[in-house]
Amino acid sequence: MGTTIDYRTLVGSNPDKMFKATIFESPRLLLGLNCLEPGQTDRIHTHEDQDKFYYVIEGDGEFTVGDEIVTASAGETIPVPAGLTHGVRNYGVARLVVLMGLTPWPGP
């Protein structure tokens, strides 16, 4: 396969809500790019049977994981075990770009 993907070609924005782009999707894994402008949020939600992670590529975010709220900046990872509520808020002054992984994924 040998293909590389430059995340910067997938970065985007939506004035009304978080921008999403799919990087890779298989019957077992979803990798996505989430872009949040300052003040934007991704609602608090749960994946009962799926583990998730957020890896901050650019910006600063506030991540809700269960009962905790943690802040993270570029280079930091936030793991979210299956069944925990989670969400994201961009509290910074620049775009927040997050690599998100979700597994197992029911596939395309």
Protein backbone atom coordinates (compact mmCIF):
# COMPACT_ATOMS: atom_id res chain seq x y z
CA MET A 1 0.00 0.00 0.00
CA GLY A 2 2.76 2.49 0.93
CA THR A 3 0.53 5.55 0.82
CA THR A 4 1.18 8.55 3.05
CA ILE A 5 -1.42 11.08 4.09
CA ASP A 6 -0.56 14.64 5.05
CA TYR A 7 -3.16 15.70 7.60
CA ARG A 8 -2.75 19.33 6.50
CA THR A 9 -4.53 18.51 3.23
CA LEU A 10 -7.61 17.49 5.26
CA VAL A 11 -7.79 20.42 7.68
CA GLY A 12 -10.91 22.52 7.28
CA SER A 13 -13.45 24.61 9.11
CA ASN A 14 -17.18 24.96 9.46
CA PRO A 15 -18.56 28.13 11.05
CA ASP A 16 -21.47 26.24 12.62
CA LYS A 17 -19.87 23.09 14.05
CA MET A 18 -16.75 20.96 14.32
CA PHE A 19 -15.24 20.03 10.93
CA LYS A 20 -14.56 16.31 10.39
CA ALA A 21 -12.51 14.47 7.78
CA THR A 22 -11.86 10.74 7.50
CA ILE A 23 -8.19 9.78 7.24
CA PHE A 24 -8.59 6.00 7.20
CA GLU A 25 -11.48 3.59 7.58
CA SER A 26 -11.47 -0.20 7.73
CA PRO A 27 -13.79 -2.86 9.15
CA ARG A 28 -11.89 -2.49 12.47
CA LEU A 29 -10.67 1.10 12.78
CA LEU A 30 -11.69 4.68 12.06
CA LEU A 31 -9.07 7.45 12.04
CA GLY A 32 -10.43 10.92 11.66
CA LEU A 33 -9.38 14.54 11.82
CA ASN A 34 -11.48 16.86 13.96
CA CYS A 35 -11.00 20.61 13.56
CA LEU A 36 -12.58 23.03 16.01
CA GLU A 37 -12.42 26.79 15.72
CA PRO A 38 -12.05 28.85 18.94
CA GLY A 39 -15.14 28.37 21.10
CA GLN A 40 -16.46 25.34 19.19
CA THR A 41 -17.33 22.09 20.96
CA ASP A 42 -18.04 18.47 20.21
CA ARG A 43 -20.98 17.39 22.34
CA ILE A 44 -20.60 15.08 25.31
CA HIS A 45 -21.40 11.54 24.13
CA THR A 46 -20.56 7.87 24.71
CA HIS A 47 -19.45 4.89 22.63
CA GLU A 48 -20.53 1.89 24.71
CA ASP A 49 -18.43 -0.71 22.89
CA GLN A 50 -15.62 1.34 21.35
CA ASP A 51 -12.34 2.68 22.67
CA LYS A 52 -11.30 6.12 21.45
CA PHE A 53 -8.28 8.35 21.59
CA TYR A 54 -7.62 11.99 20.80
CA TYR A 55 -4.14 13.14 19.77
CA VAL A 56 -3.75 16.92 19.66
CA ILE A 57 -1.87 17.99 16.53
CA GLU A 58 -2.41 21.76 16.77
CA GLY A 59 -3.95 24.10 19.33
CA ASP A 60 -5.27 23.76 22.87
CA GLY A 61 -8.34 21.85 23.96
CA GLU A 62 -10.39 20.94 26.97
CA PHE A 63 -11.42 17.29 26.98
CA THR A 64 -14.17 15.80 29.11
CA VAL A 65 -13.53 12.14 29.93
CA GLY A 66 -16.04 10.68 32.35
CA ASP A 67 -16.14 13.00 35.38
CA GLU A 68 -12.78 14.61 34.57
CA ILE A 69 -11.92 17.65 32.50
CA VAL A 70 -8.36 17.71 31.20
CA THR A 71 -6.56 20.24 29.05
CA ALA A 72 -4.18 19.16 26.31
CA SER A 73 -1.93 20.82 23.75
CA ALA A 74 -0.04 19.71 20.65
CA GLY A 75 1.71 16.40 21.18
CA GLU A 76 -0.57 15.11 23.94
CA THR A 77 -2.92 12.11 23.81
CA ILE A 78 -6.19 11.60 25.65
CA PRO A 79 -7.36 7.96 25.90
CA VAL A 80 -11.08 7.26 26.30
CA PRO A 81 -12.05 3.70 27.27
CA ALA A 82 -15.35 2.31 25.99
CA GLY A 83 -18.39 3.42 27.95
CA LEU A 84 -17.02 6.73 29.27
CA THR A 85 -18.70 9.97 28.32
CA HIS A 86 -16.41 12.33 26.43
CA GLY A 87 -16.32 15.57 24.48
CA VAL A 88 -14.03 18.38 23.35
CA ARG A 89 -13.98 22.18 23.59
CA ASN A 90 -11.53 24.54 21.92
CA TYR A 91 -10.76 27.09 24.61
CA GLY A 92 -7.78 28.52 22.72
CA VAL A 93 -7.39 31.41 20.30
CA ALA A 94 -6.36 29.24 17.33
CA ARG A 95 -7.86 26.26 15.55
CA LEU A 96 -7.72 22.95 17.45
CA VAL A 97 -6.75 20.01 15.20
CA VAL A 98 -7.16 16.55 16.69
CA LEU A 99 -6.42 13.09 15.32
CA MET A 100 -9.17 10.78 16.56
CA GLY A 101 -9.15 6.98 16.56
CA LEU A 102 -12.12 4.72 17.25
CA THR A 103 -12.04 0.91 17.52
CA PRO A 104 -13.63 -1.49 16.90
CA TRP A 105 -15.30 0.26 14.00
CA PRO A 106 -18.24 -1.38 12.23
CA GLY A 107 -16.62 -0.46 8.93
CA PRO A 108 -17.62 1.29 5.76
